[in-house]
């Protein structure tokens, strides 16, 4: 790996990284399936869905889902590594 970055010796960091990655993957699946953009029982759309919809308009739903997974992988990598 990089000379300035090494894997953490604390096993709990790997659990945190897995949790972060799974949260981002779940969010990406929620975007990819399109359930995020459907109105709820009251007929309202969440503000987050509108903001993500702006991104999805330019990147498509698949591209936005992949982007969210890549961000999750980056967050998980930062949690599981430490600087020397």
Protein backbone atom coordinates (compact mmCIF):
# COMPACT_ATOMS: atom_id res chain seq x y z
CA UNK A 1 0.00 0.00 0.00
CA UNK A 2 0.97 3.63 0.19
CA UNK A 3 3.90 4.46 2.45
CA UNK A 4 1.83 6.88 4.50
CA UNK A 5 -1.28 4.71 4.85
CA UNK A 6 -1.57 1.31 6.52
CA UNK A 7 -4.42 -0.98 7.47
CA UNK A 8 -5.73 -0.45 10.97
CA UNK A 9 -4.76 -2.86 13.71
CA UNK A 10 -8.09 -2.36 15.46
CA UNK A 11 -10.56 -5.02 14.23
CA UNK A 12 -13.50 -2.79 15.15
CA UNK A 13 -12.49 -0.40 12.36
CA UNK A 14 -13.20 -3.15 9.83
CA UNK A 15 -16.67 -3.62 11.31
CA UNK A 16 -17.29 0.14 11.05
CA UNK A 17 -16.06 0.08 7.44
CA UNK A 18 -18.43 -2.79 6.64
CA UNK A 19 -21.35 -0.94 8.23
CA UNK A 20 -20.59 2.25 6.29
CA UNK A 21 -20.25 0.34 3.02
CA UNK A 22 -23.50 -1.57 3.59
CA UNK A 23 -25.36 1.70 4.31
CA UNK A 24 -24.15 3.21 1.05
CA UNK A 25 -24.97 0.04 -0.91
CA UNK A 26 -28.49 0.00 0.56
CA UNK A 27 -28.92 3.65 -0.43
CA UNK A 28 -27.65 2.87 -3.94
CA UNK A 29 -30.14 0.00 -4.29
CA UNK A 30 -32.89 2.33 -3.07
CA UNK A 31 -31.92 4.77 -5.83
CA UNK A 32 -31.46 2.09 -8.50
CA UNK A 33 -34.86 0.49 -7.96
CA UNK A 34 -36.57 3.87 -8.25
CA UNK A 35 -38.45 3.54 -4.96
CA UNK A 36 -36.78 6.72 -3.74
CA UNK A 37 -38.55 8.79 -6.35
CA UNK A 38 -42.06 7.44 -5.74
CA UNK A 39 -44.45 9.54 -3.64
CA UNK A 40 -45.28 8.29 -0.15
CA UNK A 41 -48.77 7.56 1.18
CA UNK A 42 -49.54 11.29 1.52
CA UNK A 43 -48.54 11.94 -2.08
CA UNK A 44 -45.42 13.87 -1.07
CA UNK A 45 -41.85 13.35 -2.27
CA UNK A 46 -38.95 13.64 0.16
CA UNK A 47 -36.57 16.59 -0.26
CA UNK A 48 -33.60 14.21 -0.44
CA UNK A 49 -35.30 12.40 -3.33
CA UNK A 50 -35.60 15.69 -5.20
CA UNK A 51 -31.93 16.52 -4.64
CA UNK A 52 -30.78 13.04 -5.66
CA UNK A 53 -33.14 13.26 -8.62
CA UNK A 54 -31.22 16.27 -9.91
CA UNK A 55 -28.03 14.22 -9.89
CA UNK A 56 -29.80 11.19 -11.36
CA UNK A 57 -31.14 13.34 -14.19
CA UNK A 58 -27.59 13.92 -15.44
CA UNK A 59 -25.94 10.62 -14.48
CA UNK A 60 -28.93 8.27 -14.90
CA UNK A 61 -30.11 6.08 -12.05
CA UNK A 62 -27.44 3.45 -12.70
CA UNK A 63 -24.67 6.04 -12.74
CA UNK A 64 -25.95 7.62 -9.54
CA UNK A 65 -26.11 4.20 -7.85
CA UNK A 66 -22.56 3.42 -8.93
CA UNK A 67 -21.42 6.83 -7.69
CA UNK A 68 -22.98 6.20 -4.28
CA UNK A 69 -21.30 2.77 -4.09
CA UNK A 70 -17.93 4.33 -4.97
CA UNK A 71 -18.39 6.98 -2.28
CA UNK A 72 -19.24 4.19 0.17
CA UNK A 73 -16.11 2.28 -0.81
CA UNK A 74 -14.02 5.42 -0.24
CA UNK A 75 -15.58 6.02 3.18
CA UNK A 76 -15.04 2.37 4.13
CA UNK A 77 -11.41 2.54 2.99
CA UNK A 78 -10.79 5.70 5.03
CA UNK A 79 -12.30 4.07 8.12
CA UNK A 80 -10.30 0.84 7.75
CA UNK A 81 -6.94 2.58 7.22
CA UNK A 82 -4.87 4.92 9.33
CA UNK A 83 -2.02 7.28 8.66
CA UNK A 84 1.46 6.41 9.88
